């Protein structure tokens, strides 16, 4: 039995020695199992295969991109926000100057509510509450009529009045909700209104022609505004030809030999009319209102002085009379 154990141990030792020698031989021989990869030793591709839109000439901030301002160019890497085609970048407005040859990036373009304002108009905010804003039923994209109320204060406004100030103006924003980000409008969560809900709106932003901004600003500061919600399909507006144009605050410079007339003033529009401005007397109707009549009070005529005759008295002392208001006192000395 002992002999069998010794034989087994000897066989195992021989087998271990054989395996060790075989492993040493494998470690010393070159590895030919995996041939060298051709891709690992291949030279990198030239980095001139990525084409993006770059500025063909220097572009000033605020100037809409045109096709002639752009061109395609090959760059070694693609910047974040780069445009793949010239047509995709045309019409975008850069918020910063773009040098010639620089990549045109989407992150450099102007965004926000300003891009929703049509040419010739301005975005103007007015204060609102539940009564002014049609019970807070106004939403971005709606159209409203702006009425205003002027109350008599004995100064510039001679008589209280209420009338249409601006007609069919588009609402760009109401509270936190706006036409450029309707997703930011309020949502009801578990029956609780968020702080940005229309019920908590304090301002409404209207798109107003630039020549009407002065009227809105003056009417809002001197009186009360009211926004009347209207159907967007209702295109009715007042016929301004039936009303005299409002004279501006600034005098219009006329060419030599030209006579000043109401028709000359009526030609002002756009930024020229905005520059001319509007006065409260014009906004409130001027002479059309009944002005309070001030009656001149005739000066009081002085009464002829009537000498006071003292009755004769047997008292020979000196008498001095003191007059204090409506009372008199005589003192004898």
C-alpha atoms as a PDB file:
ATOM      1  CA  UNK A   1       0.000   0.000   0.000  1.00  0.00           C
ATOM      2  CA  UNK A   2       2.855   2.306   0.843  1.00  0.00           C
ATOM      3  CA  UNK A   3       4.543   1.460  -2.420  1.00  0.00           C
ATOM      4  CA  UNK A   4       1.438   2.409  -4.426  1.00  0.00           C
ATOM      5  CA  UNK A   5       1.354   5.841  -2.729  1.00  0.00           C
ATOM      6  CA  UNK A   6       4.988   6.447  -3.533  1.00  0.00           C
ATOM      7  CA  UNK A   7       4.389   5.494  -7.153  1.00  0.00           C
ATOM      8  CA  UNK A   8       1.422   7.923  -7.411  1.00  0.00           C
ATOM      9  CA  UNK A   9       3.434  10.795  -5.942  1.00  0.00           C
ATOM     10  CA  UNK A  10       6.228  10.148  -8.407  1.00  0.00           C
ATOM     11  CA  UNK A  11       3.833  10.164 -11.369  1.00  0.00           C
ATOM     12  CA  UNK A  12       2.311  13.488 -10.242  1.00  0.00           C
ATOM     13  CA  UNK A  13       5.724  15.087  -9.826  1.00  0.00           C
ATOM     14  CA  UNK A  14       6.754  13.973 -13.293  1.00  0.00           C
ATOM     15  CA  UNK A  15       3.524  15.331 -14.768  1.00  0.00           C
ATOM     16  CA  UNK A  16       4.023  18.696 -13.002  1.00  0.00           C
ATOM     17  CA  UNK A  17       7.589  18.938 -14.278  1.00  0.00           C
ATOM     18  CA  UNK A  18       6.461  18.180 -17.821  1.00  0.00           C
ATOM     19  CA  UNK A  19       3.746  20.856 -17.703  1.00  0.00           C
ATOM     20  CA  UNK A  20       6.200  23.405 -16.326  1.00  0.00           C
ATOM     21  CA  UNK A  21       8.666  22.796 -19.134  1.00  0.00           C
ATOM     22  CA  UNK A  22       5.888  23.065 -21.728  1.00  0.00           C
ATOM     23  CA  UNK A  23       4.682  26.351 -20.283  1.00  0.00           C
ATOM     24  CA  UNK A  24       8.202  27.770 -20.313  1.00  0.00           C
ATOM     25  CA  UNK A  25       8.535  26.864 -23.970  1.00  0.00           C
ATOM     26  CA  UNK A  26       5.219  28.576 -24.835  1.00  0.00           C
ATOM     27  CA  UNK A  27       6.216  31.758 -23.021  1.00  0.00           C
ATOM     28  CA  UNK A  28       9.491  32.008 -24.869  1.00  0.00           C
ATOM     29  CA  UNK A  29       8.074  31.481 -28.369  1.00  0.00           C
ATOM     30  CA  UNK A  30       6.658  34.515 -30.376  1.00  0.00           C
ATOM     31  CA  UNK A  31       2.870  34.878 -30.432  1.00  0.00           C
ATOM     32  CA  UNK A  32       1.765  34.216 -33.945  1.00  0.00           C
ATOM     33  CA  UNK A  33      -1.826  33.466 -33.151  1.00  0.00           C
ATOM     34  CA  UNK A  34      -3.081  37.031 -33.646  1.00  0.00           C
ATOM     35  CA  UNK A  35      -1.646  38.741 -36.700  1.00  0.00           C
ATOM     36  CA  UNK A  36      -1.124  42.512 -36.316  1.00  0.00           C
ATOM     37  CA  UNK A  37      -4.231  44.485 -37.167  1.00  0.00           C
ATOM     38  CA  UNK A  38      -3.954  46.598 -40.273  1.00  0.00           C
ATOM     39  CA  UNK A  39      -6.270  49.225 -38.748  1.00  0.00           C
ATOM     40  CA  UNK A  40      -4.074  49.657 -35.668  1.00  0.00           C
ATOM     41  CA  UNK A  41      -1.030  50.485 -37.776  1.00  0.00           C
ATOM     42  CA  UNK A  42      -2.931  52.460 -40.415  1.00  0.00           C
ATOM     43  CA  UNK A  43      -2.217  56.165 -40.490  1.00  0.00           C
ATOM     44  CA  UNK A  44      -5.123  58.454 -39.327  1.00  0.00           C
ATOM     45  CA  UNK A  45      -7.389  59.895 -41.981  1.00  0.00           C
ATOM     46  CA  UNK A  46      -6.812  63.495 -42.898  1.00  0.00           C
ATOM     47  CA  UNK A  47      -9.112  65.690 -40.759  1.00  0.00           C
ATOM     48  CA  UNK A  48     -10.609  67.621 -43.672  1.00  0.00           C
ATOM     49  CA  UNK A  49     -13.794  65.647 -44.173  1.00  0.00           C
ATOM     50  CA  UNK A  50     -16.253  67.520 -41.874  1.00  0.00           C
ATOM     51  CA  UNK A  51     -17.999  70.419 -43.628  1.00  0.00           C
ATOM     52  CA  UNK A  52     -19.881  73.001 -41.598  1.00  0.00           C
ATOM     53  CA  UNK A  53     -21.303  76.468 -42.252  1.00  0.00           C
ATOM     54  CA  UNK A  54     -18.895  79.373 -41.671  1.00  0.00           C
ATOM     55  CA  UNK A  55     -19.188  83.126 -42.204  1.00  0.00           C
ATOM     56  CA  UNK A  56     -18.165  84.158 -45.719  1.00  0.00           C
ATOM     57  CA  UNK A  57     -17.783  87.716 -44.415  1.00  0.00           C
ATOM     58  CA  UNK A  58     -17.995  89.439 -41.061  1.00  0.00           C
ATOM     59  CA  UNK A  59     -21.588  89.522 -39.801  1.00  0.00           C
ATOM     60  CA  UNK A  60     -22.797  92.191 -37.375  1.00  0.00           C
ATOM     61  CA  UNK A  61     -24.949  91.216 -34.400  1.00  0.00           C
ATOM     62  CA  UNK A  62     -28.648  91.770 -35.036  1.00  0.00           C
ATOM     63  CA  UNK A  63     -28.325  91.371 -38.805  1.00  0.00           C
ATOM     64  CA  UNK A  64     -30.296  88.439 -40.226  1.00  0.00           C
ATOM     65  CA  UNK A  65     -28.082  85.935 -42.009  1.00  0.00           C
ATOM     66  CA  UNK A  66     -28.365  85.837 -45.801  1.00  0.00           C
ATOM     67  CA  UNK A  67     -27.123  83.187 -48.206  1.00  0.00           C
ATOM     68  CA  UNK A  68     -24.276  85.417 -49.397  1.00  0.00           C
ATOM     69  CA  UNK A  69     -23.055  85.773 -45.803  1.00  0.00           C
ATOM     70  CA  UNK A  70     -22.422  82.026 -45.479  1.00  0.00           C
ATOM     71  CA  UNK A  71     -20.377  79.281 -47.064  1.00  0.00           C
ATOM     72  CA  UNK A  72     -19.376  75.677 -46.412  1.00  0.00           C
ATOM     73  CA  UNK A  73     -15.897  74.912 -45.119  1.00  0.00           C
ATOM     74  CA  UNK A  74     -14.036  71.739 -44.026  1.00  0.00           C
ATOM     75  CA  UNK A  75     -12.930  71.638 -40.400  1.00  0.00           C
ATOM     76  CA  UNK A  76     -10.919  69.104 -38.423  1.00  0.00           C
ATOM     77  CA  UNK A  77     -13.743  68.703 -35.891  1.00  0.00           C
ATOM     78  CA  UNK A  78     -17.408  69.592 -35.685  1.00  0.00           C
ATOM     79  CA  UNK A  79     -18.211  72.370 -33.168  1.00  0.00           C
ATOM     80  CA  UNK A  80     -21.317  71.967 -31.038  1.00  0.00           C
ATOM     81  CA  UNK A  81     -24.320  73.591 -32.681  1.00  0.00           C
ATOM     82  CA  UNK A  82     -22.725  73.926 -36.129  1.00  0.00           C
ATOM     83  CA  UNK A  83     -25.058  74.034 -39.139  1.00  0.00           C
ATOM     84  CA  UNK A  84     -24.852  71.315 -41.817  1.00  0.00           C
ATOM     85  CA  UNK A  85     -26.215  73.464 -44.645  1.00  0.00           C
ATOM     86  CA  UNK A  86     -26.348  77.116 -45.604  1.00  0.00           C
ATOM     87  CA  UNK A  87     -30.124  77.025 -46.014  1.00  0.00           C
ATOM     88  CA  UNK A  88     -30.560  75.886 -42.411  1.00  0.00           C
ATOM     89  CA  UNK A  89     -28.779  79.015 -41.130  1.00  0.00           C
ATOM     90  CA  UNK A  90     -30.388  81.571 -43.461  1.00  0.00           C
ATOM     91  CA  UNK A  91     -32.736  83.904 -41.574  1.00  0.00           C
ATOM     92  CA  UNK A  92     -31.200  83.327 -38.150  1.00  0.00           C
ATOM     93  CA  UNK A  93     -30.158  86.475 -36.271  1.00  0.00           C
ATOM     94  CA  UNK A  94     -26.795  86.327 -34.467  1.00  0.00           C
ATOM     95  CA  UNK A  95     -26.714  87.845 -30.998  1.00  0.00           C
ATOM     96  CA  UNK A  96     -22.948  88.447 -31.283  1.00  0.00           C
ATOM     97  CA  UNK A  97     -20.627  89.503 -34.094  1.00  0.00           C
ATOM     98  CA  UNK A  98     -19.417  86.582 -36.206  1.00  0.00           C
ATOM     99  CA  UNK A  99     -15.935  87.101 -37.725  1.00  0.00           C
ATOM    100  CA  UNK A 100     -15.152  86.050 -41.269  1.00  0.00           C
ATOM    101  CA  UNK A 101     -14.327  82.351 -41.505  1.00  0.00           C
ATOM    102  CA  UNK A 102     -15.702  81.535 -38.026  1.00  0.00           C
ATOM    103  CA  UNK A 103     -18.211  78.673 -37.686  1.00  0.00           C
ATOM    104  CA  UNK A 104     -21.829  79.773 -37.423  1.00  0.00           C
ATOM    105  CA  UNK A 105     -23.314  78.128 -34.336  1.00  0.00           C
ATOM    106  CA  UNK A 106     -26.928  77.777 -33.230  1.00  0.00           C
ATOM    107  CA  UNK A 107     -25.938  78.916 -29.729  1.00  0.00           C
ATOM    108  CA  UNK A 108     -24.896  82.295 -31.149  1.00  0.00           C
ATOM    109  CA  UNK A 109     -28.339  83.023 -32.559  1.00  0.00           C
ATOM    110  CA  UNK A 110     -30.908  85.259 -30.860  1.00  0.00           C
ATOM    111  CA  UNK A 111     -33.856  83.445 -29.302  1.00  0.00           C
ATOM    112  CA  UNK A 112     -36.879  84.327 -27.242  1.00  0.00           C
ATOM    113  CA  UNK A 113     -39.929  86.533 -27.517  1.00  0.00           C
ATOM    114  CA  UNK A 114     -38.201  89.221 -29.603  1.00  0.00           C
ATOM    115  CA  UNK A 115     -38.265  86.942 -32.649  1.00  0.00           C
ATOM    116  CA  UNK A 116     -42.061  86.800 -32.452  1.00  0.00           C
ATOM    117  CA  UNK A 117     -42.477  90.576 -32.814  1.00  0.00           C
ATOM    118  CA  UNK A 118     -43.389  91.522 -36.420  1.00  0.00           C
ATOM    119  CA  UNK A 119     -41.472  94.220 -38.268  1.00  0.00           C
ATOM    120  CA  UNK A 120     -42.648  97.712 -37.376  1.00  0.00           C
ATOM    121  CA  UNK A 121     -44.114  96.617 -34.028  1.00  0.00           C
ATOM    122  CA  UNK A 122     -42.865  96.552 -30.450  1.00  0.00           C
ATOM    123  CA  UNK A 123     -43.574  94.290 -27.479  1.00  0.00           C
ATOM    124  CA  UNK A 124     -45.077  96.385 -24.664  1.00  0.00           C
ATOM    125  CA  UNK A 125     -46.060  95.158 -21.206  1.00  0.00           C
ATOM    126  CA  UNK A 126     -49.148  96.461 -19.422  1.00  0.00           C
ATOM    127  CA  UNK A 127     -50.297  95.791 -15.883  1.00  0.00           C
ATOM    128  CA  UNK A 128     -53.245  93.438 -15.575  1.00  0.00           C
ATOM    129  CA  UNK A 129     -55.367  91.803 -12.943  1.00  0.00           C
ATOM    130  CA  UNK A 130     -58.501  89.679 -13.018  1.00  0.00           C
ATOM    131  CA  UNK A 131     -60.816  92.559 -13.943  1.00  0.00           C
ATOM    132  CA  UNK A 132     -58.508  94.141 -16.515  1.00  0.00           C
ATOM    133  CA  UNK A 133     -57.511  90.858 -18.181  1.00  0.00           C
ATOM    134  CA  UNK A 134     -60.981  89.493 -19.019  1.00  0.00           C
ATOM    135  CA  UNK A 135     -61.127  87.366 -15.893  1.00  0.00           C
ATOM    136  CA  UNK A 136     -57.655  85.957 -16.642  1.00  0.00           C
ATOM    137  CA  UNK A 137     -59.038  84.086 -19.648  1.00  0.00           C
ATOM    138  CA  UNK A 138     -56.494  85.660 -22.004  1.00  0.00           C
ATOM    139  CA  UNK A 139     -53.825  83.350 -23.434  1.00  0.00           C
ATOM    140  CA  UNK A 140     -50.704  83.971 -25.557  1.00  0.00           C
ATOM    141  CA  UNK A 141     -51.689  84.301 -29.217  1.00  0.00           C
ATOM    142  CA  UNK A 142     -55.109  85.830 -28.464  1.00  0.00           C
ATOM    143  CA  UNK A 143     -56.219  89.204 -29.834  1.00  0.00           C
ATOM    144  CA  UNK A 144     -57.583  91.960 -27.609  1.00  0.00           C
ATOM    145  CA  UNK A 145     -58.957  95.479 -27.857  1.00  0.00           C
ATOM    146  CA  UNK A 146     -57.449  97.991 -25.438  1.00  0.00           C
ATOM    147  CA  UNK A 147     -59.912 100.425 -23.868  1.00  0.00           C
ATOM    148  CA  UNK A 148     -58.908 103.156 -21.467  1.00  0.00           C
ATOM    149  CA  UNK A 149     -60.688 105.273 -18.902  1.00  0.00           C
ATOM    150  CA  UNK A 150     -59.605 108.810 -18.044  1.00  0.00           C
ATOM    151  CA  UNK A 151     -61.006 110.299 -14.887  1.00  0.00           C
ATOM    152  CA  UNK A 152     -61.405 114.003 -14.371  1.00  0.00           C
ATOM    153  CA  UNK A 153     -58.762 115.355 -12.032  1.00  0.00           C
ATOM    154  CA  UNK A 154     -59.206 119.082 -12.596  1.00  0.00           C
ATOM    155  CA  UNK A 155     -55.836 119.336 -14.256  1.00  0.00           C
ATOM    156  CA  UNK A 156     -55.106 117.960 -17.727  1.00  0.00           C
ATOM    157  CA  UNK A 157     -58.225 115.786 -17.984  1.00  0.00           C
ATOM    158  CA  UNK A 158     -61.183 118.114 -18.124  1.00  0.00           C
ATOM    159  CA  UNK A 159     -63.845 115.473 -18.255  1.00  0.00           C
ATOM    160  CA  UNK A 160     -63.952 111.743 -17.507  1.00  0.00           C
ATOM    161  CA  UNK A 161     -64.152 109.528 -20.566  1.00  0.00           C
ATOM    162  CA  UNK A 162     -63.831 105.930 -21.753  1.00  0.00           C
ATOM    163  CA  UNK A 163     -63.069 104.851 -25.317  1.00  0.00           C
ATOM    164  CA  UNK A 164     -61.203 102.439 -27.556  1.00  0.00           C
ATOM    165  CA  UNK A 165     -57.472 103.131 -27.475  1.00  0.00           C
ATOM    166  CA  UNK A 166     -55.991 100.308 -29.610  1.00  0.00           C
ATOM    167  CA  UNK A 167     -57.779  97.716 -31.705  1.00  0.00           C
ATOM    168  CA  UNK A 168     -56.972  94.040 -32.347  1.00  0.00           C
ATOM    169  CA  UNK A 169     -53.567  93.706 -30.728  1.00  0.00           C
ATOM    170  CA  UNK A 170     -51.924  90.294 -30.426  1.00  0.00           C
ATOM    171  CA  UNK A 171     -50.987  89.011 -26.985  1.00  0.00           C
ATOM    172  CA  UNK A 172     -47.384  87.767 -27.014  1.00  0.00           C
ATOM    173  CA  UNK A 173     -47.288  86.812 -23.346  1.00  0.00           C
ATOM    174  CA  UNK A 174     -49.665  86.673 -20.418  1.00  0.00           C
ATOM    175  CA  UNK A 175     -48.036  86.123 -17.072  1.00  0.00           C
ATOM    176  CA  UNK A 176     -45.266  83.528 -17.447  1.00  0.00           C
ATOM    177  CA  UNK A 177     -46.768  81.946 -20.585  1.00  0.00           C
ATOM    178  CA  UNK A 178     -45.633  83.257 -23.968  1.00  0.00           C
ATOM    179  CA  UNK A 179     -45.964  82.379 -27.631  1.00  0.00           C
ATOM    180  CA  UNK A 180     -42.289  81.363 -27.867  1.00  0.00           C
ATOM    181  CA  UNK A 181     -42.536  78.891 -25.007  1.00  0.00           C
ATOM    182  CA  UNK A 182     -46.102  77.763 -24.514  1.00  0.00           C
ATOM    183  CA  UNK A 183     -44.824  74.823 -22.508  1.00  0.00           C
ATOM    184  CA  UNK A 184     -43.855  77.261 -19.737  1.00  0.00           C
ATOM    185  CA  UNK A 185     -47.473  78.204 -19.117  1.00  0.00           C
ATOM    186  CA  UNK A 186     -48.966  77.168 -15.812  1.00  0.00           C
ATOM    187  CA  UNK A 187     -50.195  73.651 -15.156  1.00  0.00           C
ATOM    188  CA  UNK A 188     -52.513  72.595 -12.393  1.00  0.00           C
ATOM    189  CA  UNK A 189     -50.857  70.067 -10.114  1.00  0.00           C
ATOM    190  CA  UNK A 190     -53.018  68.244  -7.598  1.00  0.00           C
ATOM    191  CA  UNK A 191     -55.571  71.028  -7.715  1.00  0.00           C
ATOM    192  CA  UNK A 192     -53.044  73.707  -6.724  1.00  0.00           C
ATOM    193  CA  UNK A 193     -52.201  76.628  -8.969  1.00  0.00           C
ATOM    194  CA  UNK A 194     -48.520  77.190  -9.666  1.00  0.00           C
ATOM    195  CA  UNK A 195     -47.092  80.719  -9.188  1.00  0.00           C
ATOM    196  CA  UNK A 196     -46.940  81.187 -12.970  1.00  0.00           C
ATOM    197  CA  UNK A 197     -50.591  80.378 -13.610  1.00  0.00           C
ATOM    198  CA  UNK A 198     -52.757  82.942 -15.443  1.00  0.00           C
ATOM    199  CA  UNK A 199     -54.672  83.532 -12.210  1.00  0.00           C
ATOM    200  CA  UNK A 200     -51.475  85.064 -10.796  1.00  0.00           C
ATOM    201  CA  UNK A 201     -50.541  87.071 -13.917  1.00  0.00           C
ATOM    202  CA  UNK A 202     -49.497  90.655 -13.318  1.00  0.00           C
ATOM    203  CA  UNK A 203     -48.482  91.692 -16.831  1.00  0.00           C
ATOM    204  CA  UNK A 204     -49.568  91.131 -20.413  1.00  0.00           C
ATOM    205  CA  UNK A 205     -47.195  91.737 -23.320  1.00  0.00           C
ATOM    206  CA  UNK A 206     -48.875  93.116 -26.453  1.00  0.00           C
ATOM    207  CA  UNK A 207     -47.488  93.509 -29.963  1.00  0.00           C
ATOM    208  CA  UNK A 208     -48.131  97.160 -30.791  1.00  0.00           C
ATOM    209  CA  UNK A 209     -47.185  99.240 -33.866  1.00  0.00           C
ATOM    210  CA  UNK A 210     -44.370 101.569 -32.929  1.00  0.00           C
ATOM    211  CA  UNK A 211     -46.420 104.703 -33.671  1.00  0.00           C
ATOM    212  CA  UNK A 212     -49.088 103.576 -31.165  1.00  0.00           C
ATOM    213  CA  UNK A 213     -46.756 102.807 -28.262  1.00  0.00           C
ATOM    214  CA  UNK A 214     -46.895 106.423 -27.035  1.00  0.00           C
ATOM    215  CA  UNK A 215     -50.681 106.295 -26.796  1.00  0.00           C
ATOM    216  CA  UNK A 216     -50.575 103.055 -24.823  1.00  0.00           C
ATOM    217  CA  UNK A 217     -47.905 104.361 -22.455  1.00  0.00           C
ATOM    218  CA  UNK A 218     -49.677 107.685 -21.853  1.00  0.00           C
ATOM    219  CA  UNK A 219     -53.095 106.103 -21.497  1.00  0.00           C
ATOM    220  CA  UNK A 220     -51.804 103.516 -19.030  1.00  0.00           C
ATOM    221  CA  UNK A 221     -49.982 106.056 -16.865  1.00  0.00           C
ATOM    222  CA  UNK A 222     -52.785 108.642 -16.810  1.00  0.00           C
ATOM    223  CA  UNK A 223     -55.828 106.396 -16.694  1.00  0.00           C
ATOM    224  CA  UNK A 224     -57.002 102.808 -16.425  1.00  0.00           C
ATOM    225  CA  UNK A 225     -56.660 100.192 -19.171  1.00  0.00           C
ATOM    226  CA  UNK A 226     -59.071  97.392 -19.976  1.00  0.00           C
ATOM    227  CA  UNK A 227     -58.284  94.418 -22.236  1.00  0.00           C
ATOM    228  CA  UNK A 228     -61.327  93.137 -24.118  1.00  0.00           C
ATOM    229  CA  UNK A 229     -60.848  89.605 -25.467  1.00  0.00           C
ATOM    230  CA  UNK A 230     -62.082  89.166 -29.042  1.00  0.00           C
ATOM    231  CA  UNK A 231     -62.522  86.327 -31.501  1.00  0.00           C
ATOM    232  CA  UNK A 232     -59.382  86.014 -33.658  1.00  0.00           C
ATOM    233  CA  UNK A 233     -61.588  85.615 -36.729  1.00  0.00           C
ATOM    234  CA  UNK A 234     -63.152  89.038 -36.093  1.00  0.00           C
ATOM    235  CA  UNK A 235     -61.115  91.397 -38.299  1.00  0.00           C
ATOM    236  CA  UNK A 236     -63.184  94.536 -37.701  1.00  0.00           C
ATOM    237  CA  UNK A 237     -61.240  97.683 -36.839  1.00  0.00           C
ATOM    238  CA  UNK A 238     -62.212 101.372 -36.658  1.00  0.00           C
ATOM    239  CA  UNK A 239     -61.970 103.476 -39.804  1.00  0.00           C
ATOM    240  CA  UNK A 240     -59.223 105.929 -38.868  1.00  0.00           C
ATOM    241  CA  UNK A 241     -59.961 108.038 -41.952  1.00  0.00           C
ATOM    242  CA  UNK A 242     -63.112 109.266 -40.216  1.00  0.00           C
ATOM    243  CA  UNK A 243     -61.165 110.768 -37.334  1.00  0.00           C
ATOM    244  CA  UNK A 244     -58.741 113.655 -37.280  1.00  0.00           C
ATOM    245  CA  UNK A 245     -55.121 112.602 -36.742  1.00  0.00           C
ATOM    246  CA  UNK A 246     -53.614 113.342 -33.350  1.00  0.00           C
ATOM    247  CA  UNK A 247     -51.086 116.174 -33.533  1.00  0.00           C
ATOM    248  CA  UNK A 248     -47.625 115.301 -32.306  1.00  0.00           C
ATOM    249  CA  UNK A 249     -45.734 116.962 -29.509  1.00  0.00           C
ATOM    250  CA  UNK A 250     -42.763 117.840 -31.735  1.00  0.00           C
ATOM    251  CA  UNK A 251     -43.198 120.201 -34.664  1.00  0.00           C
ATOM    252  CA  UNK A 252     -42.708 118.725 -38.131  1.00  0.00           C
ATOM    253  CA  UNK A 253     -39.933 120.224 -40.205  1.00  0.00           C
ATOM    254  CA  UNK A 254     -41.353 121.065 -43.635  1.00  0.00           C
ATOM    255  CA  UNK A 255     -39.469 121.640 -46.880  1.00  0.00           C
ATOM    256  CA  UNK A 256     -38.956 125.239 -47.932  1.00  0.00           C
ATOM    257  CA  UNK A 257     -42.048 126.705 -49.485  1.00  0.00           C
ATOM    258  CA  UNK A 258     -44.336 123.992 -48.161  1.00  0.00           C
ATOM    259  CA  UNK A 259     -47.317 125.116 -46.133  1.00  0.00           C
ATOM    260  CA  UNK A 260     -48.125 123.394 -42.869  1.00  0.00           C
ATOM    261  CA  UNK A 261     -51.419 121.552 -42.975  1.00  0.00           C
ATOM    262  CA  UNK A 262     -53.249 118.785 -41.247  1.00  0.00           C
ATOM    263  CA  UNK A 263     -52.607 116.520 -44.233  1.00  0.00           C
ATOM    264  CA  UNK A 264     -48.858 116.963 -43.777  1.00  0.00           C
ATOM    265  CA  UNK A 265     -49.092 115.843 -40.164  1.00  0.00           C
ATOM    266  CA  UNK A 266     -51.269 112.903 -41.158  1.00  0.00           C
ATOM    267  CA  UNK A 267     -48.478 111.485 -43.299  1.00  0.00           C
ATOM    268  CA  UNK A 268     -46.370 110.713 -40.263  1.00  0.00           C
ATOM    269  CA  UNK A 269     -46.313 107.021 -39.471  1.00  0.00           C
ATOM    270  CA  UNK A 270     -44.063 104.382 -37.998  1.00  0.00           C
ATOM    271  CA  UNK A 271     -41.053 105.613 -36.067  1.00  0.00           C
ATOM    272  CA  UNK A 272     -41.637 109.174 -37.334  1.00  0.00           C
ATOM    273  CA  UNK A 273     -45.033 109.292 -35.630  1.00  0.00           C
ATOM    274  CA  UNK A 274     -43.507 107.726 -32.524  1.00  0.00           C
ATOM    275  CA  UNK A 275     -40.815 110.415 -32.522  1.00  0.00           C
ATOM    276  CA  UNK A 276     -43.446 113.153 -32.823  1.00  0.00           C
ATOM    277  CA  UNK A 277     -45.192 111.756 -29.731  1.00  0.00           C
ATOM    278  CA  UNK A 278     -48.648 112.489 -28.402  1.00  0.00           C
ATOM    279  CA  UNK A 279     -49.818 114.929 -25.735  1.00  0.00           C
ATOM    280  CA  UNK A 280     -52.453 114.318 -23.100  1.00  0.00           C
ATOM    281  CA  UNK A 281     -54.601 117.095 -24.545  1.00  0.00           C
ATOM    282  CA  UNK A 282     -54.636 115.243 -27.876  1.00  0.00           C
ATOM    283  CA  UNK A 283     -55.205 111.828 -26.327  1.00  0.00           C
ATOM    284  CA  UNK A 284     -58.127 113.075 -24.260  1.00  0.00           C
ATOM    285  CA  UNK A 285     -59.799 114.796 -27.207  1.00  0.00           C
ATOM    286  CA  UNK A 286     -58.472 118.328 -26.748  1.00  0.00           C
ATOM    287  CA  UNK A 287     -61.078 120.983 -27.407  1.00  0.00           C
ATOM    288  CA  UNK A 288     -63.816 118.427 -28.011  1.00  0.00           C
ATOM    289  CA  UNK A 289     -64.384 118.171 -24.280  1.00  0.00           C
ATOM    290  CA  UNK A 290     -66.385 120.691 -22.319  1.00  0.00           C
ATOM    291  CA  UNK A 291     -63.973 122.723 -20.305  1.00  0.00           C
ATOM    292  CA  UNK A 292     -65.115 124.165 -16.974  1.00  0.00           C
ATOM    293  CA  UNK A 293     -66.054 127.819 -17.151  1.00  0.00           C
ATOM    294  CA  UNK A 294     -64.251 130.079 -14.753  1.00  0.00           C
ATOM    295  CA  UNK A 295     -66.337 133.112 -13.860  1.00  0.00           C
ATOM    296  CA  UNK A 296     -64.488 136.288 -13.181  1.00  0.00           C
ATOM    297  CA  UNK A 297     -65.366 137.774  -9.835  1.00  0.00           C
ATOM    298  CA  UNK A 298     -65.795 141.545  -9.870  1.00  0.00           C
ATOM    299  CA  UNK A 299     -63.540 143.309  -7.406  1.00  0.00           C
ATOM    300  CA  UNK A 300     -65.279 144.487  -4.271  1.00  0.00           C
ATOM    301  CA  UNK A 301     -65.950 148.179  -4.252  1.00  0.00           C
ATOM    302  CA  UNK A 302     -64.650 149.943  -1.234  1.00  0.00           C
ATOM    303  CA  UNK A 303     -67.356 151.578   0.835  1.00  0.00           C
ATOM    304  CA  UNK A 304     -67.034 155.227   1.514  1.00  0.00           C
ATOM    305  CA  UNK A 305     -65.657 155.853   4.945  1.00  0.00           C
ATOM    306  CA  UNK A 306     -68.302 157.236   7.267  1.00  0.00           C
ATOM    307  CA  UNK A 307     -66.866 159.370  10.025  1.00  0.00           C
ATOM    308  CA  UNK A 308     -67.931 158.244  13.425  1.00  0.00           C
ATOM    309  CA  UNK A 309     -69.536 161.080  15.338  1.00  0.00           C
ATOM    310  CA  UNK A 310     -69.156 160.855  19.020  1.00  0.00           C
ATOM    311  CA  UNK A 311     -71.933 162.404  21.041  1.00  0.00           C
ATOM    312  CA  UNK A 312     -71.103 165.388  23.202  1.00  0.00           C
ATOM    313  CA  UNK A 313     -70.201 164.446  26.723  1.00  0.00           C
ATOM    314  CA  UNK A 314     -69.670 166.424  29.905  1.00  0.00           C
ATOM    315  CA  UNK A 315     -66.577 164.286  30.585  1.00  0.00           C
ATOM    316  CA  UNK A 316     -63.479 166.379  29.772  1.00  0.00           C
ATOM    317  CA  UNK A 317     -60.986 163.433  29.997  1.00  0.00           C
ATOM    318  CA  UNK A 318     -59.149 162.151  26.923  1.00  0.00           C
ATOM    319  CA  UNK A 319     -60.934 159.151  25.387  1.00  0.00           C
ATOM    320  CA  UNK A 320     -59.114 156.506  23.286  1.00  0.00           C
ATOM    321  CA  UNK A 321     -61.104 153.887  21.387  1.00  0.00           C
ATOM    322  CA  UNK A 322     -59.528 150.433  20.723  1.00  0.00           C
ATOM    323  CA  UNK A 323     -60.969 148.345  17.903  1.00  0.00           C
ATOM    324  CA  UNK A 324     -60.319 144.592  18.037  1.00  0.00           C
ATOM    325  CA  UNK A 325     -62.100 142.815  15.205  1.00  0.00           C
ATOM    326  CA  UNK A 326     -65.814 143.270  15.768  1.00  0.00           C
ATOM    327  CA  UNK A 327     -65.454 144.643  19.284  1.00  0.00           C
ATOM    328  CA  UNK A 328     -64.563 148.125  20.365  1.00  0.00           C
ATOM    329  CA  UNK A 329     -63.418 149.472  23.708  1.00  0.00           C
ATOM    330  CA  UNK A 330     -63.150 153.075  24.871  1.00  0.00           C
ATOM    331  CA  UNK A 331     -60.643 154.017  27.520  1.00  0.00           C
ATOM    332  CA  UNK A 332     -60.664 157.426  29.182  1.00  0.00           C
ATOM    333  CA  UNK A 333     -57.447 159.037  30.342  1.00  0.00           C
END
